[in-house]
N, C-alpha and C. Protein backbone atom coordinates (compact mmCIF):
# COMPACT_ATOMS: atom_id res chain seq x y z
N MET A 1 0.86 -1.11 -0.01
CA MET A 1 0.08 -0.01 0.08
C MET A 1 0.75 1.24 0.12
N MET A 2 1.94 1.48 0.92
CA MET A 2 2.80 2.35 0.89
C MET A 2 3.95 2.24 1.16
N THR A 3 5.07 2.12 0.23
CA THR A 3 6.19 1.76 0.72
C THR A 3 7.17 3.04 0.65
N SER A 4 6.91 3.76 0.18
CA SER A 4 8.05 4.91 0.61
C SER A 4 7.83 5.58 1.57
N PHE A 5 11.77 8.88 6.19
CA PHE A 5 11.40 9.05 7.15
C PHE A 5 12.10 10.07 6.10
N LYS A 6 15.59 16.06 3.95
CA LYS A 6 14.42 15.42 4.67
C LYS A 6 13.98 14.35 5.37
N ASN A 7 13.58 12.51 5.44
CA ASN A 7 12.55 11.90 5.96
C ASN A 7 12.50 11.09 7.06
N LEU A 8 13.67 10.66 7.19
CA LEU A 8 13.76 9.49 8.65
C LEU A 8 13.77 10.63 9.64
N LEU A 9 14.29 11.37 9.97
CA LEU A 9 14.29 12.30 11.35
C LEU A 9 12.75 13.20 11.07
N ARG A 10 12.22 13.50 10.15
CA ARG A 10 10.87 14.36 9.89
C ARG A 10 10.16 13.12 10.35
N VAL A 11 10.30 11.80 9.86
CA VAL A 11 9.51 10.76 10.16
C VAL A 11 9.52 10.26 11.71
N SER A 12 10.87 10.75 11.87
CA SER A 12 10.86 10.38 13.73
C SER A 12 9.69 11.08 14.26
N VAL A 13 9.03 11.54 13.37
CA VAL A 13 7.56 11.93 13.79
C VAL A 13 6.80 11.30 14.88
N ILE A 14 7.65 7.58 8.02
CA ILE A 14 6.84 6.51 7.20
C ILE A 14 6.29 6.33 7.25
N VAL A 15 4.38 5.75 8.50
CA VAL A 15 4.47 5.42 7.52
C VAL A 15 3.12 5.18 7.76
N PRO A 16 -1.65 6.96 8.55
CA PRO A 16 -1.58 5.78 8.53
C PRO A 16 -2.31 5.98 7.14
N ALA A 17 -2.95 5.76 5.07
CA ALA A 17 -3.09 4.62 4.09
C ALA A 17 -1.71 4.06 4.20
N PHE A 18 -0.72 4.63 4.78
CA PHE A 18 0.38 4.14 4.60
C PHE A 18 1.53 4.27 6.05
N ALA A 19 2.25 3.89 5.58
CA ALA A 19 1.83 3.62 6.68
C ALA A 19 2.86 4.42 6.72
N LEU A 20 2.15 7.33 11.74
CA LEU A 20 2.67 6.27 12.55
C LEU A 20 2.31 6.93 14.05
N SER A 21 1.81 7.54 15.70
CA SER A 21 2.07 7.65 17.14
C SER A 21 3.49 6.91 17.43
N VAL A 22 4.53 7.41 18.04
CA VAL A 22 5.74 6.68 18.15
C VAL A 22 5.82 6.15 19.83
N ILE A 23 6.56 4.90 19.62
CA ILE A 23 6.43 4.28 21.11
C ILE A 23 8.03 4.70 21.47
N GLY A 24 8.08 4.63 23.02
CA GLY A 24 9.66 5.27 23.52
C GLY A 24 10.57 4.24 23.06
N VAL A 25 12.08 4.92 23.16
CA VAL A 25 13.00 4.38 22.81
C VAL A 25 13.46 3.43 24.11
N SER A 26 14.07 2.65 23.72
CA SER A 26 14.24 1.55 24.73
C SER A 26 15.75 2.03 25.43
N ALA A 27 16.02 1.72 26.62
CA ALA A 27 17.23 2.33 27.11
C ALA A 27 18.43 1.97 26.54
N PRO A 28 18.78 0.98 25.88
CA PRO A 28 20.35 1.21 25.29
C PRO A 28 20.32 2.10 24.45
N VAL A 29 19.28 2.85 23.78
CA VAL A 29 19.32 3.68 22.46
C VAL A 29 19.68 5.24 23.17
N LEU A 30 19.53 5.31 24.47
CA LEU A 30 19.53 6.41 25.23
C LEU A 30 21.15 7.38 24.87
N ALA A 31 21.85 6.62 24.68
CA ALA A 31 23.19 7.22 24.53
C ALA A 31 23.27 8.10 23.02
N ALA A 32 22.28 7.82 22.21
CA ALA A 32 22.26 8.76 21.08
C ALA A 32 21.46 9.73 21.41
N ASP A 33 21.59 11.17 20.57
CA ASP A 33 20.85 12.17 20.56
C ASP A 33 19.40 11.85 20.66
N LEU A 34 18.61 12.53 21.71
CA LEU A 34 17.13 12.29 21.41
C LEU A 34 16.46 13.39 20.56
N TRP A 35 15.49 13.27 19.60
CA TRP A 35 14.88 14.24 18.93
C TRP A 35 13.57 14.40 19.12
N GLN A 36 13.16 15.65 19.02
CA GLN A 36 11.89 15.63 19.00
C GLN A 36 11.27 16.26 17.33
N VAL A 37 10.12 15.60 17.32
CA VAL A 37 9.81 15.75 15.78
C VAL A 37 8.72 17.07 15.99
N ASN A 38 9.19 17.89 14.62
CA ASN A 38 8.20 19.13 14.68
C ASN A 38 6.89 18.90 13.78
N ALA A 39 5.73 18.64 14.45
CA ALA A 39 4.94 18.01 13.56
C ALA A 39 4.33 18.91 12.61
N ASP A 40 4.46 20.23 13.02
CA ASP A 40 3.74 21.16 11.88
C ASP A 40 4.63 21.55 10.58
N ASP A 41 5.90 20.71 10.63
CA ASP A 41 6.81 20.80 9.35
C ASP A 41 7.06 19.67 8.90
N SER A 42 6.51 18.54 9.37
CA SER A 42 6.95 16.80 8.91
C SER A 42 5.65 16.34 7.95
N SER A 43 5.92 15.29 7.51
CA SER A 43 4.78 14.42 7.01
C SER A 43 5.45 13.44 6.41
N ILE A 44 4.35 12.42 6.33
CA ILE A 44 4.36 11.12 5.83
C ILE A 44 3.35 11.15 4.66
N GLU A 45 3.79 10.93 3.46
CA GLU A 45 2.98 10.70 2.46
C GLU A 45 3.26 9.85 1.64
N PHE A 46 2.18 9.23 0.57
CA PHE A 46 2.26 8.19 -0.09
C PHE A 46 1.70 8.31 -1.45
N THR A 47 2.09 7.62 -2.55
CA THR A 47 1.58 7.53 -3.67
C THR A 47 1.34 6.33 -4.41
N GLY A 48 0.10 6.11 -4.96
CA GLY A 48 -0.51 5.06 -5.42
C GLY A 48 -1.03 5.17 -6.66
N THR A 49 -1.65 3.87 -7.24
CA THR A 49 -2.26 4.34 -8.58
C THR A 49 -3.44 3.66 -8.48
N GLN A 50 -4.67 4.02 -9.46
CA GLN A 50 -6.13 3.61 -9.26
C GLN A 50 -6.15 3.89 -10.83
N LEU A 51 -6.44 2.79 -11.61
CA LEU A 51 -7.04 2.62 -12.99
C LEU A 51 -5.90 3.42 -13.64
N GLY A 52 -4.44 3.36 -13.38
CA GLY A 52 -3.42 3.44 -14.04
C GLY A 52 -3.18 4.84 -13.89
N ALA A 53 -3.70 5.65 -13.09
CA ALA A 53 -3.74 7.21 -12.74
C ALA A 53 -2.92 7.14 -11.46
N GLU A 54 -1.79 7.79 -10.95
CA GLU A 54 -1.50 8.05 -9.69
C GLU A 54 -2.36 9.11 -8.82
N PHE A 55 -2.57 8.66 -7.28
CA PHE A 55 -2.89 9.75 -6.68
C PHE A 55 -2.25 9.61 -5.38
N ASP A 56 -2.06 10.94 -4.80
CA ASP A 56 -1.41 11.10 -3.53
C ASP A 56 -1.97 11.13 -2.49
N GLY A 57 -1.45 10.77 -1.25
CA GLY A 57 -2.16 10.77 0.10
C GLY A 57 -1.37 11.26 1.22
N LYS A 58 -1.84 11.41 2.51
CA LYS A 58 -0.81 11.64 3.61
C LYS A 58 -1.67 11.06 4.77
N PHE A 59 -0.72 10.91 5.66
CA PHE A 59 -1.35 10.56 7.24
C PHE A 59 -1.08 11.54 8.07
N LYS A 60 -2.08 12.27 8.18
CA LYS A 60 -2.35 13.23 8.98
C LYS A 60 -1.80 13.17 10.56
N THR A 61 -1.89 12.17 11.09
CA THR A 61 -1.44 11.61 12.44
C THR A 61 -0.32 10.88 12.68
N PHE A 62 0.64 11.10 13.38
CA PHE A 62 1.87 10.01 13.57
C PHE A 62 2.51 10.54 14.68
N THR A 63 2.94 9.94 15.19
CA THR A 63 4.19 9.89 16.28
C THR A 63 5.54 9.39 16.23
N ALA A 64 6.35 10.14 16.73
CA ALA A 64 7.74 9.12 16.61
C ALA A 64 8.74 9.32 17.62
N GLU A 65 9.60 8.35 18.21
CA GLU A 65 10.61 8.70 19.34
C GLU A 65 11.75 8.25 18.36
N ILE A 66 12.66 9.34 18.47
CA ILE A 66 13.96 9.15 17.67
C ILE A 66 15.11 9.55 18.68
N ALA A 67 15.99 8.45 18.32
CA ALA A 67 17.27 8.32 19.26
C ALA A 67 18.44 8.28 18.00
N PHE A 68 19.07 9.15 17.53
CA PHE A 68 20.00 8.97 16.71
C PHE A 68 21.29 10.02 16.60
N ALA A 69 22.56 9.13 16.49
CA ALA A 69 23.91 10.09 16.47
C ALA A 69 24.39 9.45 15.10
N PRO A 70 24.84 10.45 14.00
CA PRO A 70 25.65 9.93 13.15
C PRO A 70 26.83 9.25 13.72
N ASP A 71 27.60 9.45 14.52
CA ASP A 71 28.86 8.92 15.25
C ASP A 71 28.51 7.88 16.15
N ASP A 72 27.16 7.43 16.47
CA ASP A 72 26.70 6.07 16.88
C ASP A 72 25.54 5.61 16.50
N LEU A 73 25.70 5.36 15.26
CA LEU A 73 24.55 4.25 14.55
C LEU A 73 24.11 3.23 15.31
N ALA A 74 25.15 2.53 15.81
CA ALA A 74 24.82 1.34 16.57
C ALA A 74 23.81 1.66 17.85
N GLY A 75 23.87 2.77 18.58
CA GLY A 75 22.94 3.18 19.37
C GLY A 75 21.82 4.03 18.90
N SER A 76 21.70 4.12 17.72
CA SER A 76 20.41 4.84 17.34
C SER A 76 19.12 3.99 17.06
N LYS A 77 18.08 4.42 17.30
CA LYS A 77 16.86 3.95 17.11
C LYS A 77 15.72 4.64 16.75
N VAL A 78 14.92 4.25 15.84
CA VAL A 78 13.61 5.22 15.38
C VAL A 78 12.16 4.16 15.48
N ARG A 79 11.33 4.96 16.34
CA ARG A 79 9.89 3.92 16.01
C ARG A 79 8.88 5.23 16.08
N VAL A 80 8.00 4.71 14.72
CA VAL A 80 7.23 5.60 14.57
C VAL A 80 5.76 4.77 14.48
N LEU A 81 4.61 5.38 15.11
CA LEU A 81 3.36 4.67 14.70
C LEU A 81 2.46 5.72 14.09
N ILE A 82 2.01 5.23 13.09
CA ILE A 82 0.86 5.93 12.25
C ILE A 82 -0.50 5.61 12.44
N ASP A 83 -1.31 6.55 12.42
CA ASP A 83 -2.84 6.46 12.54
C ASP A 83 -3.33 6.18 11.47
N ILE A 84 -3.67 5.32 11.17
CA ILE A 84 -4.25 4.65 9.63
C ILE A 84 -5.60 5.61 9.47
N ALA A 85 -6.54 5.73 10.67
CA ALA A 85 -7.70 6.18 9.96
C ALA A 85 -7.58 7.73 9.52
N SER A 86 -6.13 8.49 9.95
CA SER A 86 -5.81 9.69 9.41
C SER A 86 -5.43 10.00 8.07
N ALA A 87 -5.61 8.90 7.18
CA ALA A 87 -5.25 8.84 5.85
C ALA A 87 -6.21 9.91 5.30
N ASP A 88 -5.37 10.65 4.24
CA ASP A 88 -6.08 11.35 3.36
C ASP A 88 -5.63 11.54 1.98
N THR A 89 -6.66 11.38 1.02
CA THR A 89 -6.23 11.48 0.08
C THR A 89 -6.95 12.61 -1.23
N GLY A 90 -7.68 13.26 -0.18
CA GLY A 90 -8.65 14.26 -0.61
C GLY A 90 -9.73 13.70 -1.50
N ASN A 91 -10.30 12.49 -1.38
CA ASN A 91 -11.31 12.01 -2.21
C ASN A 91 -12.10 10.88 -0.90
N ALA A 92 -13.14 11.62 -0.50
CA ALA A 92 -14.02 11.03 0.41
C ALA A 92 -14.08 9.48 0.56
N ASP A 93 -14.78 9.17 -0.97
CA ASP A 93 -15.15 7.81 -1.11
C ASP A 93 -13.95 6.98 -1.15
N ARG A 94 -12.54 7.58 -1.42
CA ARG A 94 -11.51 6.75 -1.20
C ARG A 94 -10.80 6.54 0.13
N ASP A 95 -10.88 7.54 0.87
CA ASP A 95 -10.43 7.69 2.31
C ASP A 95 -11.35 6.64 3.05
N SER A 96 -12.66 6.28 2.79
CA SER A 96 -13.30 5.63 3.43
C SER A 96 -13.20 4.01 3.25
N GLN A 97 -12.97 3.92 2.19
CA GLN A 97 -12.23 2.40 1.60
C GLN A 97 -10.98 2.01 2.40
N ILE A 98 -10.26 3.20 2.27
CA ILE A 98 -8.71 2.72 2.72
C ILE A 98 -8.68 2.08 3.92
N ILE A 99 -9.73 2.67 5.00
CA ILE A 99 -9.77 2.37 6.41
C ILE A 99 -10.73 1.13 6.35
N SER A 100 -11.44 0.56 5.58
CA SER A 100 -12.35 -0.38 5.62
C SER A 100 -11.68 -1.60 5.83
N ALA A 101 -12.17 -2.95 6.01
CA ALA A 101 -11.65 -4.34 6.51
C ALA A 101 -10.92 -4.64 4.94
N ASP A 102 -11.57 -4.39 3.62
CA ASP A 102 -10.75 -5.24 2.72
C ASP A 102 -9.35 -4.23 2.70
N TRP A 103 -9.28 -3.29 3.19
CA TRP A 103 -7.84 -2.57 2.84
C TRP A 103 -7.04 -2.45 4.26
N PHE A 104 -6.98 -1.35 4.90
CA PHE A 104 -6.16 -1.45 6.10
C PHE A 104 -6.77 -1.97 7.39
N ASP A 105 -8.26 -2.01 7.54
CA ASP A 105 -8.67 -2.60 8.55
C ASP A 105 -8.56 -1.69 9.74
N ALA A 106 -8.53 -0.26 9.75
CA ALA A 106 -8.05 0.31 10.76
C ALA A 106 -9.10 -0.04 12.16
N GLY A 107 -10.13 -0.76 12.05
CA GLY A 107 -10.88 -0.91 13.42
C GLY A 107 -10.13 -2.05 14.17
N GLN A 108 -9.64 -3.01 13.40
CA GLN A 108 -8.87 -4.47 13.81
C GLN A 108 -7.23 -3.80 14.22
N TRP A 109 -6.46 -3.16 13.04
CA TRP A 109 -5.29 -2.71 13.08
C TRP A 109 -5.42 -1.26 12.99
N PRO A 110 -5.21 -0.28 14.02
CA PRO A 110 -5.45 0.98 13.97
C PRO A 110 -4.06 1.78 13.49
N THR A 111 -3.10 1.00 13.80
CA THR A 111 -1.57 1.77 13.33
C THR A 111 -0.86 0.92 12.52
N ALA A 112 0.23 1.60 12.12
CA ALA A 112 1.15 1.10 11.31
C ALA A 112 2.52 1.46 12.16
N LYS A 113 3.57 0.43 12.10
CA LYS A 113 4.64 0.64 12.88
C LYS A 113 5.83 0.73 11.84
N PHE A 114 6.34 1.29 12.02
CA PHE A 114 7.91 1.28 11.63
C PHE A 114 8.81 1.56 12.80
N GLU A 115 9.76 0.50 12.65
CA GLU A 115 10.82 0.15 13.75
C GLU A 115 12.11 -0.15 13.27
N THR A 116 13.32 0.70 13.40
CA THR A 116 14.48 0.45 12.86
C THR A 116 15.08 -0.72 13.67
N LYS A 117 16.23 -1.45 12.88
CA LYS A 117 17.00 -2.35 13.54
C LYS A 117 18.57 -1.94 13.52
N SER A 118 18.87 -1.18 12.39
CA SER A 118 20.14 -0.61 12.21
C SER A 118 20.10 0.48 10.99
N PHE A 119 21.37 1.17 11.24
CA PHE A 119 21.41 2.24 10.14
C PHE A 119 23.01 1.90 9.36
N VAL A 120 22.97 2.33 8.28
CA VAL A 120 24.29 2.18 7.22
C VAL A 120 24.63 3.41 6.97
N GLU A 121 25.50 4.24 7.09
CA GLU A 121 25.93 5.45 6.34
C GLU A 121 26.55 5.20 4.84
N VAL A 122 25.93 5.32 3.72
CA VAL A 122 26.37 5.16 2.23
C VAL A 122 27.16 6.28 1.66
N ALA A 123 26.83 7.36 2.26
CA ALA A 123 27.92 8.44 1.74
C ALA A 123 27.52 9.79 2.73
N PRO A 124 28.40 10.77 2.82
CA PRO A 124 28.26 11.87 3.89
C PRO A 124 26.82 12.58 3.63
N GLY A 125 26.02 12.25 4.66
CA GLY A 125 24.76 12.96 4.95
C GLY A 125 23.61 11.99 4.24
N LYS A 126 24.13 10.89 3.56
CA LYS A 126 23.13 9.56 3.17
C LYS A 126 23.19 8.57 4.00
N TYR A 127 22.20 8.01 4.43
CA TYR A 127 21.88 6.81 4.91
C TYR A 127 20.79 6.03 4.62
N GLU A 128 20.78 4.75 5.12
CA GLU A 128 19.82 3.67 5.00
C GLU A 128 19.56 3.11 6.57
N ALA A 129 18.17 2.79 6.48
CA ALA A 129 17.66 2.53 7.86
C ALA A 129 16.96 1.25 7.51
N ILE A 130 17.44 -0.17 7.96
CA ILE A 130 16.87 -1.08 7.78
C ILE A 130 15.89 -1.21 9.11
N ALA A 131 14.60 -1.61 8.67
CA ALA A 131 13.61 -1.74 9.77
C ALA A 131 12.59 -2.60 9.45
N ASP A 132 12.04 -2.91 10.36
CA ASP A 132 10.81 -3.65 10.11
C ASP A 132 9.21 -2.81 10.27
N LEU A 133 8.57 -2.90 8.84
CA LEU A 133 7.32 -2.15 8.81
C LEU A 133 6.11 -2.98 9.04
N THR A 134 5.29 -2.68 10.03
CA THR A 134 4.21 -3.52 10.16
C THR A 134 2.96 -2.65 9.91
N ILE A 135 2.07 -3.60 8.92
CA ILE A 135 0.79 -2.90 8.73
C ILE A 135 -0.06 -4.16 8.63
N ARG A 136 -1.45 -3.76 9.00
CA ARG A 136 -2.19 -5.10 9.15
C ARG A 136 -1.42 -6.39 9.63
N ASP A 137 -1.03 -6.07 10.95
CA ASP A 137 -0.26 -7.25 11.54
C ASP A 137 0.65 -8.02 11.02
N VAL A 138 1.20 -7.54 9.68
CA VAL A 138 2.14 -8.24 8.85
C VAL A 138 3.33 -7.10 9.04
N THR A 139 4.30 -8.13 9.07
CA THR A 139 5.72 -7.29 9.39
C THR A 139 6.65 -7.71 8.11
N GLN A 140 7.40 -6.82 7.74
CA GLN A 140 8.17 -6.92 6.65
C GLN A 140 9.49 -6.12 6.70
N GLU A 141 10.80 -6.96 6.38
CA GLU A 141 11.97 -5.82 6.51
C GLU A 141 11.77 -4.87 5.28
N VAL A 142 11.91 -3.67 5.45
CA VAL A 142 12.36 -2.94 4.46
C VAL A 142 13.58 -1.77 4.62
N VAL A 143 14.20 -1.33 3.61
CA VAL A 143 15.30 -0.60 3.67
C VAL A 143 14.96 0.72 3.11
N LEU A 144 14.80 1.89 3.84
CA LEU A 144 14.67 3.03 3.78
C LEU A 144 16.08 4.03 3.74
N PRO A 145 16.15 4.49 2.30
CA PRO A 145 17.16 5.47 2.06
C PRO A 145 16.76 6.81 2.48
N PHE A 146 17.90 7.33 3.08
CA PHE A 146 17.14 8.85 3.54
C PHE A 146 18.46 9.96 3.50
N ASP A 147 18.06 11.20 3.25
CA ASP A 147 19.20 12.20 3.48
C ASP A 147 18.91 13.06 4.67
N LEU A 148 20.06 13.36 5.37
CA LEU A 148 20.01 13.73 6.74
C LEU A 148 21.01 15.05 6.57
N GLU A 149 20.32 16.13 7.04
CA GLU A 149 20.96 17.69 7.34
C GLU A 149 20.97 17.98 8.91
N ILE A 150 21.81 17.92 9.59
CA ILE A 150 22.04 18.57 11.07
C ILE A 150 22.50 19.92 10.79
N SER A 151 21.99 20.94 11.58
CA SER A 151 22.42 22.01 11.55
C SER A 151 22.33 22.59 13.02
N ASP A 152 23.19 22.72 13.85
CA ASP A 152 23.21 23.23 15.48
C ASP A 152 22.39 22.04 15.88
N ARG A 153 21.05 22.53 16.51
CA ARG A 153 20.09 21.65 17.18
C ARG A 153 18.98 21.20 16.50
N LYS A 154 18.84 21.31 15.05
CA LYS A 154 17.78 21.13 14.25
C LYS A 154 18.42 19.83 13.08
N ALA A 155 17.44 19.23 12.98
CA ALA A 155 17.75 18.05 11.63
C ALA A 155 16.44 18.27 10.70
N GLU A 156 16.88 17.65 9.23
CA GLU A 156 15.66 17.45 8.43
C GLU A 156 16.12 16.15 7.86
N VAL A 157 15.25 15.69 7.59
CA VAL A 157 15.38 14.19 7.02
C VAL A 157 14.53 14.14 5.98
N GLU A 158 14.49 13.74 4.74
CA GLU A 158 13.69 13.14 3.63
C GLU A 158 14.38 12.02 3.11
N GLY A 159 13.36 10.94 2.87
CA GLY A 159 13.64 9.74 2.16
C GLY A 159 12.02 9.02 1.79
N ARG A 160 12.47 8.09 0.86
CA ARG A 160 11.19 7.37 0.40
C ARG A 160 11.59 5.89 0.17
N LEU A 161 10.42 4.97 0.05
CA LEU A 161 10.64 3.66 -0.39
C LEU A 161 9.32 3.36 -0.90
N THR A 162 9.53 2.28 -1.65
CA THR A 162 8.36 1.65 -2.26
C THR A 162 7.85 0.25 -1.82
N ILE A 163 6.90 -0.13 -1.39
CA ILE A 163 6.48 -1.20 -0.98
C ILE A 163 5.39 -1.67 -1.59
N LYS A 164 5.08 -3.14 -1.73
CA LYS A 164 3.87 -3.77 -2.33
C LYS A 164 2.84 -4.05 -1.33
N ARG A 165 1.65 -3.31 -1.61
CA ARG A 165 0.63 -3.63 -0.63
C ARG A 165 -0.01 -4.67 -0.24
N THR A 166 0.17 -5.65 -1.30
CA THR A 166 -0.42 -7.10 -1.43
C THR A 166 0.66 -7.86 -0.24
N ASP A 167 2.03 -7.35 -0.04
CA ASP A 167 3.05 -8.14 0.77
C ASP A 167 2.18 -7.79 2.15
N PHE A 168 1.61 -7.03 2.40
CA PHE A 168 1.08 -6.48 4.03
C PHE A 168 -0.45 -7.13 3.89
N GLY A 169 -1.23 -7.66 3.07
CA GLY A 169 -2.58 -7.98 2.80
C GLY A 169 -3.43 -6.86 2.62
N VAL A 170 -3.18 -5.67 2.10
CA VAL A 170 -3.76 -4.33 1.68
C VAL A 170 -4.56 -4.76 0.41
N GLY A 171 -5.50 -4.62 0.61
CA GLY A 171 -6.38 -5.19 -0.58
C GLY A 171 -7.01 -6.64 -0.56
N GLN A 172 -8.06 -6.98 0.07
CA GLN A 172 -8.40 -8.44 0.13
C GLN A 172 -9.43 -8.59 -1.00
N GLY A 173 -9.88 -9.83 -1.24
CA GLY A 173 -11.02 -10.41 -1.96
C GLY A 173 -10.55 -9.55 -3.35
N GLN A 174 -11.53 -9.00 -3.91
CA GLN A 174 -11.41 -8.60 -5.22
C GLN A 174 -10.32 -7.61 -5.43
N TRP A 175 -9.94 -6.88 -4.42
CA TRP A 175 -8.79 -5.93 -4.38
C TRP A 175 -7.69 -6.76 -4.44
N SER A 176 -7.43 -7.78 -4.29
CA SER A 176 -5.81 -8.45 -4.54
C SER A 176 -5.40 -8.56 -5.61
N ASP A 177 -6.63 -8.24 -6.88
CA ASP A 177 -6.04 -8.02 -8.25
C ASP A 177 -5.68 -6.59 -8.20
N THR A 178 -4.49 -6.66 -8.77
CA THR A 178 -3.43 -5.24 -8.96
C THR A 178 -4.04 -4.55 -10.15
N SER A 179 -5.14 -4.97 -10.90
CA SER A 179 -5.35 -4.45 -12.23
C SER A 179 -6.08 -2.88 -12.08
N GLN A 180 -6.75 -2.99 -10.87
CA GLN A 180 -7.36 -1.53 -10.79
C GLN A 180 -6.70 -0.69 -9.93
N VAL A 181 -6.26 -1.41 -8.98
CA VAL A 181 -5.51 -0.66 -7.87
C VAL A 181 -4.05 -0.97 -7.90
N GLY A 182 -3.09 -0.36 -8.03
CA GLY A 182 -1.86 -0.80 -8.52
C GLY A 182 -1.06 -1.43 -6.96
N ASP A 183 -0.09 -2.14 -7.08
CA ASP A 183 0.40 -2.95 -5.86
C ASP A 183 1.53 -2.11 -5.44
N ALA A 184 2.22 -1.07 -6.35
CA ALA A 184 3.29 -0.46 -5.86
C ALA A 184 2.79 0.62 -5.06
N VAL A 185 3.36 1.14 -3.85
CA VAL A 185 2.96 2.34 -3.24
C VAL A 185 4.39 2.91 -2.82
N THR A 186 4.40 4.21 -2.91
CA THR A 186 5.85 4.85 -2.74
C THR A 186 5.32 5.66 -1.36
N ILE A 187 6.16 5.66 -0.33
CA ILE A 187 5.88 6.08 0.81
C ILE A 187 7.19 7.49 1.16
N LYS A 188 6.72 8.67 1.26
CA LYS A 188 7.64 9.69 1.12
C LYS A 188 7.75 10.21 2.65
N ILE A 189 8.78 10.27 3.15
CA ILE A 189 8.87 11.02 4.74
C ILE A 189 9.69 12.27 4.35
N ASP A 190 9.27 13.27 5.34
CA ASP A 190 10.08 14.59 5.09
C ASP A 190 9.74 15.07 6.73
N ILE A 191 10.84 14.95 7.27
CA ILE A 191 10.78 15.28 8.87
C ILE A 191 11.72 16.30 9.14
N ASP A 192 11.11 17.00 10.09
CA ASP A 192 11.82 18.37 10.75
C ASP A 192 12.09 18.11 12.45
N ALA A 193 13.08 17.80 12.76
CA ALA A 193 13.48 17.52 14.31
C ALA A 193 14.14 18.49 15.05
N SER A 194 14.19 18.59 16.24
CA SER A 194 14.98 19.12 17.30
C SER A 194 15.53 18.41 18.22
N ARG A 195 16.73 18.94 18.77
CA ARG A 195 17.45 18.09 19.89
C ARG A 195 17.45 18.95 21.24
C-alpha cells in the first residue's frame, strides 16, 4: 500500500494508508541524541495508482521517538506509529475505503509501525535505515534510504521507499487483483526535528 522517514528524522515524527504515534525508545538507545519531531513541518505521504492514474495521500496523524547520532549508529533507533484512520487522499470515497476491512482494516489494526533495526551510512549525509514495517499485523523488513542534514540543534530528513501493498495484505478479495489499484505504493518522509 505504501512503501516509500529531509524523511527519517522528519519521520521520527513513514508510515496511516500507509503507513505512525511513536513508541518510547529503549534504554540502550539513550546514548544517542534524542530528537523531537516538529509535527507542523513534518509529513508522511504516499503515492499509489488507481486505474492507471497516480493519486497522492498523507497520514495526518503520527508520532515518533527518535534517538539518533551519526557517530553512534549502533546506538540509534527510531520507532514511528502511524494512525491509519488519518489517511487523507482528498477523496472522501477513497478515504473511507482505505480504512475498511478490505484494505487497512483500521478498526482491527489502527496503527502501522516502523521500527529500525540498524543504520548504514552510504555517503556523507546519506543513510539507509533497515527496519521492520508492520501493517495489518504483517511485518516485513524494508530498507529506507534517507538524506539527513543536521545544523546545530535542528535536523531535516527526507526519504522514500516503495512497498507492495499485497505483501501486507492490503487489498483483500477482489482488491488483491492489482489491475485496478496498483500493487506498488511509494512512501515519502519529510521530517523536521530538534534536540
